[in-house]
Amino acid sequence: MTKVEQTRARIAKYSKTQEFIDTVKAVAKNPKLIDPSQRLEICKKCKPHYSNGVCKLCGCFMHIKARLAASKCRLNKWTSVG
């Protein structure tokens, strides 16, 4: 792996970590749970990024993230509630 590829991998890892931290902060402010079915249907249609229940962009387990009212899709396909 070249140095450029290593740097890109570190940036991608940091971005996912930062998104996770932001989600946890948002959930701490609004711990409400919602029915995830509508959000999950949207995720399942996102073929290039959704695989086996995991978003390839943010690295989240979508059956968990979709239940959290304060969470949002990285691609803005669904937003936080409340």
PDB file of N, CA and C in Angstrom:
ATOM      1  N   MET A   1       0.853  -1.178   0.000  1.00  0.00           N
ATOM      2  CA  MET A   1       0.000   0.000   0.000  1.00  0.00           C
ATOM      3  C   MET A   1       0.901   1.244   0.000  1.00  0.00           C
ATOM      4  N   THR A   2       0.609   2.155  -0.902  1.00  0.00           N
ATOM      5  CA  THR A   2       1.410   3.380  -0.993  1.00  0.00           C
ATOM      6  C   THR A   2       1.082   4.318   0.163  1.00  0.00           C
ATOM      7  N   LYS A   3       1.910   5.323   0.357  1.00  0.00           N
ATOM      8  CA  LYS A   3       1.668   6.289   1.431  1.00  0.00           C
ATOM      9  C   LYS A   3       0.366   7.052   1.207  1.00  0.00           C
ATOM     10  N   VAL A   4       0.064   7.350  -0.044  1.00  0.00           N
ATOM     11  CA  VAL A   4      -1.186   8.052  -0.365  1.00  0.00           C
ATOM     12  C   VAL A   4      -2.383   7.177   0.021  1.00  0.00           C
ATOM     13  N   GLU A   5      -2.319   5.895  -0.313  1.00  0.00           N
ATOM     14  CA  GLU A   5      -3.410   4.976   0.033  1.00  0.00           C
ATOM     15  C   GLU A   5      -3.536   4.831   1.549  1.00  0.00           C
ATOM     16  N   GLN A   6      -2.410   4.796   2.257  1.00  0.00           N
ATOM     17  CA  GLN A   6      -2.439   4.711   3.713  1.00  0.00           C
ATOM     18  C   GLN A   6      -3.087   5.954   4.319  1.00  0.00           C
ATOM     19  N   THR A   7      -2.750   7.118   3.773  1.00  0.00           N
ATOM     20  CA  THR A   7      -3.326   8.373   4.259  1.00  0.00           C
ATOM     21  C   THR A   7      -4.830   8.399   4.011  1.00  0.00           C
ATOM     22  N   ARG A   8      -5.253   7.979   2.837  1.00  0.00           N
ATOM     23  CA  ARG A   8      -6.688   7.936   2.522  1.00  0.00           C
ATOM     24  C   ARG A   8      -7.425   6.996   3.457  1.00  0.00           C
ATOM     25  N   ALA A   9      -6.828   5.849   3.768  1.00  0.00           N
ATOM     26  CA  ALA A   9      -7.447   4.887   4.671  1.00  0.00           C
ATOM     27  C   ALA A   9      -7.586   5.478   6.072  1.00  0.00           C
ATOM     28  N   ARG A  10      -6.571   6.207   6.541  1.00  0.00           N
ATOM     29  CA  ARG A  10      -6.635   6.846   7.861  1.00  0.00           C
ATOM     30  C   ARG A  10      -7.728   7.905   7.903  1.00  0.00           C
ATOM     31  N   ILE A  11      -7.838   8.689   6.834  1.00  0.00           N
ATOM     32  CA  ILE A  11      -8.868   9.734   6.773  1.00  0.00           C
ATOM     33  C   ILE A  11     -10.260   9.102   6.782  1.00  0.00           C
ATOM     34  N   ALA A  12     -10.446   8.039   6.014  1.00  0.00           N
ATOM     35  CA  ALA A  12     -11.747   7.367   5.971  1.00  0.00           C
ATOM     36  C   ALA A  12     -12.096   6.796   7.341  1.00  0.00           C
ATOM     37  N   LYS A  13     -11.110   6.213   8.014  1.00  0.00           N
ATOM     38  CA  LYS A  13     -11.347   5.658   9.349  1.00  0.00           C
ATOM     39  C   LYS A  13     -11.720   6.767  10.336  1.00  0.00           C
ATOM     40  N   TYR A  14     -11.015   7.896  10.273  1.00  0.00           N
ATOM     41  CA  TYR A  14     -11.310   9.028  11.150  1.00  0.00           C
ATOM     42  C   TYR A  14     -12.722   9.551  10.881  1.00  0.00           C
ATOM     43  N   SER A  15     -13.084   9.656   9.617  1.00  0.00           N
ATOM     44  CA  SER A  15     -14.403  10.167   9.246  1.00  0.00           C
ATOM     45  C   SER A  15     -15.505   9.294   9.840  1.00  0.00           C
ATOM     46  N   LYS A  16     -15.338   7.968   9.758  1.00  0.00           N
ATOM     47  CA  LYS A  16     -16.333   7.054  10.323  1.00  0.00           C
ATOM     48  C   LYS A  16     -16.379   7.190  11.838  1.00  0.00           C
ATOM     49  N   THR A  17     -15.222   7.313  12.467  1.00  0.00           N
ATOM     50  CA  THR A  17     -15.170   7.464  13.921  1.00  0.00           C
ATOM     51  C   THR A  17     -15.848   8.757  14.340  1.00  0.00           C
ATOM     52  N   GLN A  18     -15.570   9.843  13.628  1.00  0.00           N
ATOM     53  CA  GLN A  18     -16.170  11.129  13.960  1.00  0.00           C
ATOM     54  C   GLN A  18     -17.683  11.080  13.776  1.00  0.00           C
ATOM     55  N   GLU A  19     -18.144  10.416  12.738  1.00  0.00           N
ATOM     56  CA  GLU A  19     -19.589  10.292  12.524  1.00  0.00           C
ATOM     57  C   GLU A  19     -20.227   9.508  13.666  1.00  0.00           C
ATOM     58  N   PHE A  20     -19.556   8.454  14.130  1.00  0.00           N
ATOM     59  CA  PHE A  20     -20.068   7.679  15.257  1.00  0.00           C
ATOM     60  C   PHE A  20     -20.165   8.549  16.507  1.00  0.00           C
ATOM     61  N   ILE A  21     -19.133   9.339  16.773  1.00  0.00           N
ATOM     62  CA  ILE A  21     -19.124  10.233  17.935  1.00  0.00           C
ATOM     63  C   ILE A  21     -20.261  11.243  17.831  1.00  0.00           C
ATOM     64  N   ASP A  22     -20.456  11.817  16.653  1.00  0.00           N
ATOM     65  CA  ASP A  22     -21.538  12.783  16.445  1.00  0.00           C
ATOM     66  C   ASP A  22     -22.907  12.138  16.684  1.00  0.00           C
ATOM     67  N   THR A  23     -23.064  10.893  16.235  1.00  0.00           N
ATOM     68  CA  THR A  23     -24.332  10.185  16.432  1.00  0.00           C
ATOM     69  C   THR A  23     -24.577   9.935  17.918  1.00  0.00           C
ATOM     70  N   VAL A  24     -23.550   9.510  18.634  1.00  0.00           N
ATOM     71  CA  VAL A  24     -23.692   9.258  20.071  1.00  0.00           C
ATOM     72  C   VAL A  24     -24.076  10.539  20.806  1.00  0.00           C
ATOM     73  N   LYS A  25     -23.461  11.653  20.440  1.00  0.00           N
ATOM     74  CA  LYS A  25     -23.801  12.939  21.069  1.00  0.00           C
ATOM     75  C   LYS A  25     -25.256  13.309  20.795  1.00  0.00           C
ATOM     76  N   ALA A  26     -25.698  13.112  19.557  1.00  0.00           N
ATOM     77  CA  ALA A  26     -27.075  13.446  19.193  1.00  0.00           C
ATOM     78  C   ALA A  26     -28.062  12.553  19.946  1.00  0.00           C
ATOM     79  N   VAL A  27     -27.742  11.280  20.078  1.00  0.00           N
ATOM     80  CA  VAL A  27     -28.625  10.342  20.781  1.00  0.00           C
ATOM     81  C   VAL A  27     -28.672  10.669  22.272  1.00  0.00           C
ATOM     82  N   ALA A  28     -27.568  11.128  22.819  1.00  0.00           N
ATOM     83  CA  ALA A  28     -27.551  11.514  24.232  1.00  0.00           C
ATOM     84  C   ALA A  28     -28.530  12.663  24.489  1.00  0.00           C
ATOM     85  N   LYS A  29     -28.675  13.553  23.519  1.00  0.00           N
ATOM     86  CA  LYS A  29     -29.605  14.674  23.646  1.00  0.00           C
ATOM     87  C   LYS A  29     -31.042  14.247  23.387  1.00  0.00           C
ATOM     88  N   ASN A  30     -31.228  13.245  22.503  1.00  0.00           N
ATOM     89  CA  ASN A  30     -32.563  12.779  22.135  1.00  0.00           C
ATOM     90  C   ASN A  30     -32.536  11.243  22.065  1.00  0.00           C
ATOM     91  N   PRO A  31     -32.676  10.557  23.214  1.00  0.00           N
ATOM     92  CA  PRO A  31     -32.559   9.098  23.231  1.00  0.00           C
ATOM     93  C   PRO A  31     -33.803   8.341  22.744  1.00  0.00           C
ATOM     94  N   LYS A  32     -34.742   9.061  22.166  1.00  0.00           N
ATOM     95  CA  LYS A  32     -35.997   8.462  21.699  1.00  0.00           C
ATOM     96  C   LYS A  32     -35.723   7.406  20.614  1.00  0.00           C
ATOM     97  N   LEU A  33     -36.476   6.285  20.679  1.00  0.00           N
ATOM     98  CA  LEU A  33     -36.393   5.240  19.658  1.00  0.00           C
ATOM     99  C   LEU A  33     -37.623   5.317  18.772  1.00  0.00           C
ATOM    100  N   ILE A  34     -37.455   4.967  17.507  1.00  0.00           N
ATOM    101  CA  ILE A  34     -38.565   4.991  16.555  1.00  0.00           C
ATOM    102  C   ILE A  34     -38.630   3.665  15.809  1.00  0.00           C
ATOM    103  N   ASP A  35     -39.707   3.468  15.064  1.00  0.00           N
ATOM    104  CA  ASP A  35     -39.842   2.283  14.217  1.00  0.00           C
ATOM    105  C   ASP A  35     -38.878   2.441  13.037  1.00  0.00           C
ATOM    106  N   PRO A  36     -37.937   1.513  12.862  1.00  0.00           N
ATOM    107  CA  PRO A  36     -36.912   1.669  11.833  1.00  0.00           C
ATOM    108  C   PRO A  36     -37.309   1.190  10.441  1.00  0.00           C
ATOM    109  N   SER A  37     -38.492   0.610  10.294  1.00  0.00           N
ATOM    110  CA  SER A  37     -38.838  -0.061   9.029  1.00  0.00           C
ATOM    111  C   SER A  37     -38.730   0.837   7.799  1.00  0.00           C
ATOM    112  N   GLN A  38     -39.216   2.057   7.891  1.00  0.00           N
ATOM    113  CA  GLN A  38     -39.170   2.953   6.729  1.00  0.00           C
ATOM    114  C   GLN A  38     -37.724   3.319   6.371  1.00  0.00           C
ATOM    115  N   ARG A  39     -36.927   3.614   7.374  1.00  0.00           N
ATOM    116  CA  ARG A  39     -35.521   3.948   7.132  1.00  0.00           C
ATOM    117  C   ARG A  39     -34.767   2.757   6.545  1.00  0.00           C
ATOM    118  N   LEU A  40     -35.013   1.568   7.071  1.00  0.00           N
ATOM    119  CA  LEU A  40     -34.308   0.383   6.584  1.00  0.00           C
ATOM    120  C   LEU A  40     -34.663   0.072   5.135  1.00  0.00           C
ATOM    121  N   GLU A  41     -35.902   0.316   4.754  1.00  0.00           N
ATOM    122  CA  GLU A  41     -36.285   0.105   3.348  1.00  0.00           C
ATOM    123  C   GLU A  41     -35.493   1.031   2.433  1.00  0.00           C
ATOM    124  N   ILE A  42     -35.294   2.262   2.870  1.00  0.00           N
ATOM    125  CA  ILE A  42     -34.492   3.215   2.097  1.00  0.00           C
ATOM    126  C   ILE A  42     -33.054   2.707   1.997  1.00  0.00           C
ATOM    127  N   CYS A  43     -32.520   2.236   3.115  1.00  0.00           N
ATOM    128  CA  CYS A  43     -31.138   1.735   3.138  1.00  0.00           C
ATOM    129  C   CYS A  43     -30.961   0.540   2.203  1.00  0.00           C
ATOM    130  N   LYS A  44     -31.915  -0.373   2.228  1.00  0.00           N
ATOM    131  CA  LYS A  44     -31.805  -1.578   1.412  1.00  0.00           C
ATOM    132  C   LYS A  44     -31.789  -1.266  -0.081  1.00  0.00           C
ATOM    133  N   LYS A  45     -32.365  -0.144  -0.478  1.00  0.00           N
ATOM    134  CA  LYS A  45     -32.369   0.270  -1.883  1.00  0.00           C
ATOM    135  C   LYS A  45     -31.066   0.950  -2.289  1.00  0.00           C
ATOM    136  N   CYS A  46     -30.225   1.246  -1.322  1.00  0.00           N
ATOM    137  CA  CYS A  46     -28.952   1.930  -1.564  1.00  0.00           C
ATOM    138  C   CYS A  46     -27.889   0.866  -1.863  1.00  0.00           C
ATOM    139  N   LYS A  47     -27.989   0.257  -3.016  1.00  0.00           N
ATOM    140  CA  LYS A  47     -27.171  -0.902  -3.384  1.00  0.00           C
ATOM    141  C   LYS A  47     -25.659  -0.711  -3.245  1.00  0.00           C
ATOM    142  N   PRO A  48     -25.089   0.391  -3.698  1.00  0.00           N
ATOM    143  CA  PRO A  48     -23.621   0.450  -3.624  1.00  0.00           C
ATOM    144  C   PRO A  48     -23.082   0.601  -2.203  1.00  0.00           C
ATOM    145  N   HIS A  49     -23.915   1.018  -1.262  1.00  0.00           N
ATOM    146  CA  HIS A  49     -23.411   1.324   0.072  1.00  0.00           C
ATOM    147  C   HIS A  49     -23.944   0.408   1.175  1.00  0.00           C
ATOM    148  N   TYR A  50     -24.981  -0.369   0.905  1.00  0.00           N
ATOM    149  CA  TYR A  50     -25.614  -1.198   1.938  1.00  0.00           C
ATOM    150  C   TYR A  50     -25.319  -2.666   1.670  1.00  0.00           C
ATOM    151  N   SER A  51     -24.803  -3.367   2.680  1.00  0.00           N
ATOM    152  CA  SER A  51     -24.508  -4.785   2.518  1.00  0.00           C
ATOM    153  C   SER A  51     -24.649  -5.509   3.855  1.00  0.00           C
ATOM    154  N   ASN A  52     -25.486  -6.535   3.887  1.00  0.00           N
ATOM    155  CA  ASN A  52     -25.661  -7.365   5.077  1.00  0.00           C
ATOM    156  C   ASN A  52     -25.958  -6.561   6.340  1.00  0.00           C
ATOM    157  N   GLY A  53     -26.762  -5.518   6.209  1.00  0.00           N
ATOM    158  CA  GLY A  53     -27.172  -4.743   7.372  1.00  0.00           C
ATOM    159  C   GLY A  53     -26.199  -3.678   7.826  1.00  0.00           C
ATOM    160  N   VAL A  54     -25.138  -3.475   7.055  1.00  0.00           N
ATOM    161  CA  VAL A  54     -24.117  -2.486   7.422  1.00  0.00           C
ATOM    162  C   VAL A  54     -23.984  -1.446   6.304  1.00  0.00           C
ATOM    163  N   CYS A  55     -23.902  -0.175   6.699  1.00  0.00           N
ATOM    164  CA  CYS A  55     -23.656   0.894   5.725  1.00  0.00           C
ATOM    165  C   CYS A  55     -22.160   0.952   5.466  1.00  0.00           C
ATOM    166  N   LYS A  56     -21.761   0.841   4.221  1.00  0.00           N
ATOM    167  CA  LYS A  56     -20.338   0.870   3.877  1.00  0.00           C
ATOM    168  C   LYS A  56     -19.742   2.272   3.993  1.00  0.00           C
ATOM    169  N   LEU A  57     -20.589   3.299   4.006  1.00  0.00           N
ATOM    170  CA  LEU A  57     -20.076   4.667   4.139  1.00  0.00           C
ATOM    171  C   LEU A  57     -19.728   5.013   5.578  1.00  0.00           C
ATOM    172  N   CYS A  58     -20.654   4.743   6.494  1.00  0.00           N
ATOM    173  CA  CYS A  58     -20.414   5.131   7.891  1.00  0.00           C
ATOM    174  C   CYS A  58     -19.975   3.971   8.768  1.00  0.00           C
ATOM    175  N   GLY A  59     -20.171   2.734   8.295  1.00  0.00           N
ATOM    176  CA  GLY A  59     -19.765   1.575   9.071  1.00  0.00           C
ATOM    177  C   GLY A  59     -20.758   1.167  10.149  1.00  0.00           C
ATOM    178  N   CYS A  60     -21.923   1.795  10.161  1.00  0.00           N
ATOM    179  CA  CYS A  60     -22.919   1.530  11.210  1.00  0.00           C
ATOM    180  C   CYS A  60     -23.745   0.284  10.901  1.00  0.00           C
ATOM    181  N   PHE A  61     -24.180  -0.376  11.985  1.00  0.00           N
ATOM    182  CA  PHE A  61     -25.152  -1.452  11.868  1.00  0.00           C
ATOM    183  C   PHE A  61     -26.513  -0.774  11.758  1.00  0.00           C
ATOM    184  N   MET A  62     -27.119  -0.863  10.597  1.00  0.00           N
ATOM    185  CA  MET A  62     -28.305  -0.061  10.315  1.00  0.00           C
ATOM    186  C   MET A  62     -29.532  -0.481  11.112  1.00  0.00           C
ATOM    187  N   HIS A  63     -29.632  -1.733  11.545  1.00  0.00           N
ATOM    188  CA  HIS A  63     -30.788  -2.127  12.358  1.00  0.00           C
ATOM    189  C   HIS A  63     -30.757  -1.417  13.713  1.00  0.00           C
ATOM    190  N   ILE A  64     -29.597  -0.924  14.112  1.00  0.00           N
ATOM    191  CA  ILE A  64     -29.485  -0.136  15.347  1.00  0.00           C
ATOM    192  C   ILE A  64     -29.638   1.355  15.035  1.00  0.00           C
ATOM    193  N   LYS A  65     -28.852   1.834  14.090  1.00  0.00           N
ATOM    194  CA  LYS A  65     -28.854   3.269  13.773  1.00  0.00           C
ATOM    195  C   LYS A  65     -30.237   3.754  13.336  1.00  0.00           C
ATOM    196  N   ALA A  66     -30.942   2.939  12.559  1.00  0.00           N
ATOM    197  CA  ALA A  66     -32.256   3.346  12.046  1.00  0.00           C
ATOM    198  C   ALA A  66     -33.291   3.519  13.157  1.00  0.00           C
ATOM    199  N   ARG A  67     -33.101   2.873  14.301  1.00  0.00           N
ATOM    200  CA  ARG A  67     -34.027   2.998  15.431  1.00  0.00           C
ATOM    201  C   ARG A  67     -33.834   4.286  16.218  1.00  0.00           C
ATOM    202  N   LEU A  68     -32.692   4.904  16.095  1.00  0.00           N
ATOM    203  CA  LEU A  68     -32.360   6.085  16.880  1.00  0.00           C
ATOM    204  C   LEU A  68     -32.910   7.334  16.204  1.00  0.00           C
ATOM    205  N   ALA A  69     -33.849   7.980  16.855  1.00  0.00           N
ATOM    206  CA  ALA A  69     -34.510   9.153  16.277  1.00  0.00           C
ATOM    207  C   ALA A  69     -33.513  10.249  15.917  1.00  0.00           C
ATOM    208  N   ALA A  70     -32.447  10.378  16.689  1.00  0.00           N
ATOM    209  CA  ALA A  70     -31.470  11.453  16.465  1.00  0.00           C
ATOM    210  C   ALA A  70     -30.471  11.153  15.348  1.00  0.00           C
ATOM    211  N   SER A  71     -30.445   9.924  14.866  1.00  0.00           N
ATOM    212  CA  SER A  71     -29.480   9.583  13.814  1.00  0.00           C
ATOM    213  C   SER A  71     -29.972  10.038  12.445  1.00  0.00           C
ATOM    214  N   LYS A  72     -29.039  10.132  11.516  1.00  0.00           N
ATOM    215  CA  LYS A  72     -29.396  10.538  10.151  1.00  0.00           C
ATOM    216  C   LYS A  72     -28.502   9.809   9.149  1.00  0.00           C
ATOM    217  N   CYS A  73     -28.980   9.726   7.932  1.00  0.00           N
ATOM    218  CA  CYS A  73     -28.231   9.091   6.846  1.00  0.00           C
ATOM    219  C   CYS A  73     -27.129  10.030   6.370  1.00  0.00           C
ATOM    220  N   ARG A  74     -25.967   9.466   6.147  1.00  0.00           N
ATOM    221  CA  ARG A  74     -24.836  10.257   5.667  1.00  0.00           C
ATOM    222  C   ARG A  74     -25.105  10.868   4.286  1.00  0.00           C
ATOM    223  N   LEU A  75     -25.954  10.209   3.509  1.00  0.00           N
ATOM    224  CA  LEU A  75     -26.299  10.700   2.166  1.00  0.00           C
ATOM    225  C   LEU A  75     -27.577  11.551   2.171  1.00  0.00           C
ATOM    226  N   ASN A  76     -28.077  11.841   3.364  1.00  0.00           N
ATOM    227  CA  ASN A  76     -29.294  12.641   3.538  1.00  0.00           C
ATOM    228  C   ASN A  76     -30.546  11.994   2.903  1.00  0.00           C
ATOM    229  N   LYS A  77     -30.572  10.674   2.878  1.00  0.00           N
ATOM    230  CA  LYS A  77     -31.757   9.978   2.363  1.00  0.00           C
ATOM    231  C   LYS A  77     -32.843   9.916   3.431  1.00  0.00           C
ATOM    232  N   TRP A  78     -32.465  10.048   4.708  1.00  0.00           N
ATOM    233  CA  TRP A  78     -33.401  10.229   5.810  1.00  0.00           C
ATOM    234  C   TRP A  78     -32.699  11.040   6.885  1.00  0.00           C
ATOM    235  N   THR A  79     -33.495  11.797   7.630  1.00  0.00           N
ATOM    236  CA  THR A  79     -32.927  12.748   8.596  1.00  0.00           C
ATOM    237  C   THR A  79     -33.347  12.392  10.021  1.00  0.00           C
ATOM    238  N   SER A  80     -32.801  13.126  10.966  1.00  0.00           N
ATOM    239  CA  SER A  80     -33.147  12.903  12.362  1.00  0.00           C
ATOM    240  C   SER A  80     -34.585  13.356  12.620  1.00  0.00           C
ATOM    241  N   VAL A  81     -35.179  12.784  13.659  1.00  0.00           N
ATOM    242  CA  VAL A  81     -36.553  13.092  14.021  1.00  0.00           C
ATOM    243  C   VAL A  81     -36.570  13.685  15.426  1.00  0.00           C
ATOM    244  N   GLY A  82     -37.275  14.795  15.562  1.00  0.00           N
ATOM    245  CA  GLY A  82     -37.454  15.385  16.892  1.00  0.00           C
ATOM    246  C   GLY A  82     -36.278  16.107  17.329  1.00  0.00           C
TER     247      GLY A  82
END
